[in-house]
Each structure stands twice: as structure tokens, then as C-alpha cells.
Amino acid sequence: MDASPETHVARWLASGQLRPTRQRLALAELLVGDGMNRHVTAESLFALSLNAGEKVSLATVYNTLRAFCHAGLMNEIVVDGSKSYFDTRTDDHPHFYWEDSHRLTDAPAEELKIASLPQVPPGMELSRVDVVIRLRRA
């Protein structure tokens, strides 16, 4: 079995039923090529791609991240209603948002206890619950 990063990336894209375009392969390599989970903004992924010598526009990065989310390969976490982070870890888990450095990291899920949620309105179903715990220096 080939465990090369290229194969891992191609399998990741295929699991979302996405066509492996050059841009998708390049961005996916930066996101999951090493098998680690990441939290990125479109701007930080764009900067990573430039540093890696990839020729992609910021609009392409945004469109590709949205396609990855739509395919269920990533989740979008919105902070402050205007700042989006994209998380390659797709299971339900909480996040810490570090206000001083504008970073998003995973928080320990085993320490979070949600006793109940409000009743979902008729005709709707619960999609997911995002928990973002904001941190600042005391």
C-alpha cells in the first residue's frame, strides 16, 4: 500500500468526491499532506501556497476552501461574524480562540459538558454546534 503524501491527498479529495485539479491538489497537500490537522484562514493558506511556490489566487483559495467544506472534508468556524477559520478536523469538538494572536486551536472535548440544547424549531434539524471559547491575557 502506498502511503506517500500524494496518495493521501488524492484519497482525501476522492473521499469528498472532488476532482483532483492542480489547485485542489496543491492546497490539499498544504492542508493534509503531512496527516496533521490544521486551522487556517484563506489568507494564511494563500501565504503558505505562495511560500511553497504555488501560483493560485486568493479567490481560488477561498473557492477551494468552500468546496472542501461543501464536500465535508473541512469545517468552517466563524469567529466574530466576519473572520472564518477552516478546520481539517471534522468531528465535533470545541475550539479556543486566542484573541491576542488571532489563532484558533482545538480545546479538550472531554472537558466540555453540554447538558441540553434548545428545542429545534419545526421543520428544522440540528446541523452542528460550534463551541468557540475566547481567551485573552489576564
C-alpha atoms as a PDB file:
ATOM      1  CA  MET A   1       0.000   0.000   0.000  1.00  0.00           C
ATOM      2  CA  ASP A   2       1.392   3.402  -0.991  1.00  0.00           C
ATOM      3  CA  ALA A   3       1.456   5.772   1.981  1.00  0.00           C
ATOM      4  CA  SER A   4       3.022   8.695   0.105  1.00  0.00           C
ATOM      5  CA  PRO A   5       1.638  12.173   0.804  1.00  0.00           C
ATOM      6  CA  GLU A   6       0.422  12.439  -2.811  1.00  0.00           C
ATOM      7  CA  THR A   7      -1.673   9.302  -2.422  1.00  0.00           C
ATOM      8  CA  HIS A   8      -3.022  10.509   0.932  1.00  0.00           C
ATOM      9  CA  VAL A   9      -4.040  13.837  -0.621  1.00  0.00           C
ATOM     10  CA  ALA A  10      -5.641  12.168  -3.650  1.00  0.00           C
ATOM     11  CA  ARG A  11      -7.592   9.818  -1.354  1.00  0.00           C
ATOM     12  CA  TRP A  12      -8.681  12.783   0.794  1.00  0.00           C
ATOM     13  CA  LEU A  13     -10.053  14.589  -2.269  1.00  0.00           C
ATOM     14  CA  ALA A  14     -11.682  11.408  -3.555  1.00  0.00           C
ATOM     15  CA  SER A  15     -13.410  10.874  -0.193  1.00  0.00           C
ATOM     16  CA  GLY A  16     -15.181  14.183  -0.809  1.00  0.00           C
ATOM     17  CA  GLN A  17     -15.887  13.219  -4.425  1.00  0.00           C
ATOM     18  CA  LEU A  18     -13.834  16.170  -5.650  1.00  0.00           C
ATOM     19  CA  ARG A  19     -11.987  16.210  -8.944  1.00  0.00           C
ATOM     20  CA  PRO A  20      -8.232  16.483  -8.277  1.00  0.00           C
ATOM     21  CA  THR A  21      -7.422  19.732 -10.102  1.00  0.00           C
ATOM     22  CA  ARG A  22      -3.917  21.141  -9.870  1.00  0.00           C
ATOM     23  CA  GLN A  23      -5.033  23.865  -7.452  1.00  0.00           C
ATOM     24  CA  ARG A  24      -7.003  21.472  -5.244  1.00  0.00           C
ATOM     25  CA  LEU A  25      -4.081  19.048  -5.081  1.00  0.00           C
ATOM     26  CA  ALA A  26      -1.639  21.822  -4.224  1.00  0.00           C
ATOM     27  CA  LEU A  27      -3.834  23.313  -1.488  1.00  0.00           C
ATOM     28  CA  ALA A  28      -4.820  19.905  -0.116  1.00  0.00           C
ATOM     29  CA  GLU A  29      -1.139  18.987   0.115  1.00  0.00           C
ATOM     30  CA  LEU A  30      -0.559  22.053   2.302  1.00  0.00           C
ATOM     31  CA  LEU A  31      -3.604  21.239   4.433  1.00  0.00           C
ATOM     32  CA  VAL A  32      -3.403  17.478   4.964  1.00  0.00           C
ATOM     33  CA  GLY A  33      -0.300  16.236   3.171  1.00  0.00           C
ATOM     34  CA  ASP A  34       1.519  15.517   6.424  1.00  0.00           C
ATOM     35  CA  GLY A  35      -1.521  13.921   8.074  1.00  0.00           C
ATOM     36  CA  MET A  36      -1.809  16.658  10.715  1.00  0.00           C
ATOM     37  CA  ASN A  37      -4.968  18.658  11.399  1.00  0.00           C
ATOM     38  CA  ARG A  38      -4.883  22.413  10.824  1.00  0.00           C
ATOM     39  CA  HIS A  39      -6.878  25.575  11.381  1.00  0.00           C
ATOM     40  CA  VAL A  40      -6.267  28.068   8.573  1.00  0.00           C
ATOM     41  CA  THR A  41      -7.746  31.236   7.213  1.00  0.00           C
ATOM     42  CA  ALA A  42      -7.938  31.750   3.469  1.00  0.00           C
ATOM     43  CA  GLU A  43      -5.253  34.396   3.837  1.00  0.00           C
ATOM     44  CA  SER A  44      -2.888  32.142   5.803  1.00  0.00           C
ATOM     45  CA  LEU A  45      -3.343  29.300   3.295  1.00  0.00           C
ATOM     46  CA  PHE A  46      -2.746  31.758   0.441  1.00  0.00           C
ATOM     47  CA  ALA A  47       0.533  32.833   2.117  1.00  0.00           C
ATOM     48  CA  LEU A  48       1.553  29.186   2.610  1.00  0.00           C
ATOM     49  CA  SER A  49       0.857  28.491  -1.057  1.00  0.00           C
ATOM     50  CA  LEU A  50       2.968  31.449  -2.167  1.00  0.00           C
ATOM     51  CA  ASN A  51       5.837  30.283   0.077  1.00  0.00           C
ATOM     52  CA  ALA A  52       5.529  26.812  -1.480  1.00  0.00           C
ATOM     53  CA  GLY A  53       5.819  28.342  -4.965  1.00  0.00           C
ATOM     54  CA  GLU A  54       2.218  27.611  -5.949  1.00  0.00           C
ATOM     55  CA  LYS A  55       0.544  30.027  -8.331  1.00  0.00           C
ATOM     56  CA  VAL A  56      -3.007  30.379  -7.024  1.00  0.00           C
ATOM     57  CA  SER A  57      -5.082  33.481  -6.460  1.00  0.00           C
ATOM     58  CA  LEU A  58      -6.689  34.386  -3.139  1.00  0.00           C
ATOM     59  CA  ALA A  59     -10.094  33.940  -4.821  1.00  0.00           C
ATOM     60  CA  THR A  60      -9.106  30.397  -5.821  1.00  0.00           C
ATOM     61  CA  VAL A  61      -8.066  29.671  -2.231  1.00  0.00           C
ATOM     62  CA  TYR A  62     -11.451  30.905  -0.950  1.00  0.00           C
ATOM     63  CA  ASN A  63     -13.352  28.903  -3.583  1.00  0.00           C
ATOM     64  CA  THR A  64     -11.320  25.775  -2.893  1.00  0.00           C
ATOM     65  CA  LEU A  65     -11.811  26.008   0.878  1.00  0.00           C
ATOM     66  CA  ARG A  66     -15.569  26.408   0.336  1.00  0.00           C
ATOM     67  CA  ALA A  67     -15.554  23.370  -1.979  1.00  0.00           C
ATOM     68  CA  PHE A  68     -13.669  21.335   0.657  1.00  0.00           C
ATOM     69  CA  CYS A  69     -16.275  22.371   3.268  1.00  0.00           C
ATOM     70  CA  HIS A  70     -19.191  21.593   0.963  1.00  0.00           C
ATOM     71  CA  ALA A  71     -17.674  18.146   0.330  1.00  0.00           C
ATOM     72  CA  GLY A  72     -17.453  17.504   4.090  1.00  0.00           C
ATOM     73  CA  LEU A  73     -13.644  17.486   4.130  1.00  0.00           C
ATOM     74  CA  MET A  74     -13.359  20.554   6.387  1.00  0.00           C
ATOM     75  CA  ASN A  75     -15.490  22.679   8.678  1.00  0.00           C
ATOM     76  CA  GLU A  76     -15.746  26.444   8.622  1.00  0.00           C
ATOM     77  CA  ILE A  77     -15.602  28.068  12.056  1.00  0.00           C
ATOM     78  CA  VAL A  78     -16.769  31.693  12.092  1.00  0.00           C
ATOM     79  CA  VAL A  79     -15.275  33.963  14.738  1.00  0.00           C
ATOM     80  CA  ASP A  80     -16.646  37.487  15.296  1.00  0.00           C
ATOM     81  CA  GLY A  81     -19.145  37.049  12.478  1.00  0.00           C
ATOM     82  CA  SER A  82     -16.592  38.093   9.895  1.00  0.00           C
ATOM     83  CA  LYS A  83     -13.439  36.001  10.392  1.00  0.00           C
ATOM     84  CA  SER A  84     -13.554  32.424   9.111  1.00  0.00           C
ATOM     85  CA  TYR A  85     -11.189  29.632  10.040  1.00  0.00           C
ATOM     86  CA  PHE A  86     -11.168  26.327   8.207  1.00  0.00           C
ATOM     87  CA  ASP A  87     -10.575  23.171  10.233  1.00  0.00           C
ATOM     88  CA  THR A  88      -9.397  19.899   8.707  1.00  0.00           C
ATOM     89  CA  ARG A  89     -10.633  18.004  11.767  1.00  0.00           C
ATOM     90  CA  THR A  90     -14.298  17.288  11.019  1.00  0.00           C
ATOM     91  CA  ASP A  91     -15.509  15.571  14.192  1.00  0.00           C
ATOM     92  CA  ASP A  92     -17.458  17.580  16.776  1.00  0.00           C
ATOM     93  CA  HIS A  93     -15.009  19.361  19.082  1.00  0.00           C
ATOM     94  CA  PRO A  94     -14.664  22.762  20.797  1.00  0.00           C
ATOM     95  CA  HIS A  95     -12.100  25.443  19.991  1.00  0.00           C
ATOM     96  CA  PHE A  96     -10.050  28.043  21.807  1.00  0.00           C
ATOM     97  CA  TYR A  97      -9.802  31.408  20.042  1.00  0.00           C
ATOM     98  CA  TRP A  98      -6.690  33.274  21.232  1.00  0.00           C
ATOM     99  CA  GLU A  99      -7.631  36.949  20.918  1.00  0.00           C
ATOM    100  CA  ASP A 100      -4.076  38.291  21.217  1.00  0.00           C
ATOM    101  CA  SER A 101      -2.674  36.181  18.368  1.00  0.00           C
ATOM    102  CA  HIS A 102      -5.900  35.563  16.390  1.00  0.00           C
ATOM    103  CA  ARG A 103      -5.295  31.803  16.439  1.00  0.00           C
ATOM    104  CA  LEU A 104      -7.837  29.003  16.614  1.00  0.00           C
ATOM    105  CA  THR A 105      -6.831  25.739  18.300  1.00  0.00           C
ATOM    106  CA  ASP A 106      -8.630  22.616  19.446  1.00  0.00           C
ATOM    107  CA  ALA A 107      -9.888  22.637  23.036  1.00  0.00           C
ATOM    108  CA  PRO A 108     -10.169  19.432  25.084  1.00  0.00           C
ATOM    109  CA  ALA A 109     -13.565  17.981  24.170  1.00  0.00           C
ATOM    110  CA  GLU A 110     -13.609  15.644  27.162  1.00  0.00           C
ATOM    111  CA  GLU A 111     -13.770  18.651  29.496  1.00  0.00           C
ATOM    112  CA  LEU A 112     -16.818  20.203  27.796  1.00  0.00           C
ATOM    113  CA  LYS A 113     -20.236  19.241  29.115  1.00  0.00           C
ATOM    114  CA  ILE A 114     -23.381  20.483  27.341  1.00  0.00           C
ATOM    115  CA  ALA A 115     -26.407  19.487  29.424  1.00  0.00           C
ATOM    116  CA  SER A 116     -29.062  20.348  26.866  1.00  0.00           C
ATOM    117  CA  LEU A 117     -29.820  22.372  23.768  1.00  0.00           C
ATOM    118  CA  PRO A 118     -32.896  24.435  22.913  1.00  0.00           C
ATOM    119  CA  GLN A 119     -35.689  22.670  21.043  1.00  0.00           C
ATOM    120  CA  VAL A 120     -35.130  22.833  17.303  1.00  0.00           C
ATOM    121  CA  PRO A 121     -37.909  24.775  15.502  1.00  0.00           C
ATOM    122  CA  PRO A 122     -40.415  22.717  13.483  1.00  0.00           C
ATOM    123  CA  GLY A 123     -39.170  21.756  10.048  1.00  0.00           C
ATOM    124  CA  MET A 124     -35.515  22.179  11.040  1.00  0.00           C
ATOM    125  CA  GLU A 125     -32.825  19.739  12.099  1.00  0.00           C
ATOM    126  CA  LEU A 126     -29.682  20.314  14.126  1.00  0.00           C
ATOM    127  CA  SER A 127     -26.721  20.583  11.770  1.00  0.00           C
ATOM    128  CA  ARG A 128     -23.944  21.009  14.329  1.00  0.00           C
ATOM    129  CA  VAL A 129     -22.992  23.006  17.408  1.00  0.00           C
ATOM    130  CA  ASP A 130     -19.869  25.166  17.285  1.00  0.00           C
ATOM    131  CA  VAL A 131     -18.249  25.995  20.615  1.00  0.00           C
ATOM    132  CA  VAL A 132     -15.603  28.719  20.487  1.00  0.00           C
ATOM    133  CA  ILE A 133     -14.044  29.674  23.825  1.00  0.00           C
ATOM    134  CA  ARG A 134     -12.430  33.079  23.561  1.00  0.00           C
ATOM    135  CA  LEU A 135      -9.214  33.653  25.539  1.00  0.00           C
ATOM    136  CA  ARG A 136      -7.300  36.814  26.395  1.00  0.00           C
ATOM    137  CA  ARG A 137      -4.415  37.554  28.727  1.00  0.00           C
ATOM    138  CA  ALA A 138      -5.419  38.468  32.280  1.00  0.00           C
END
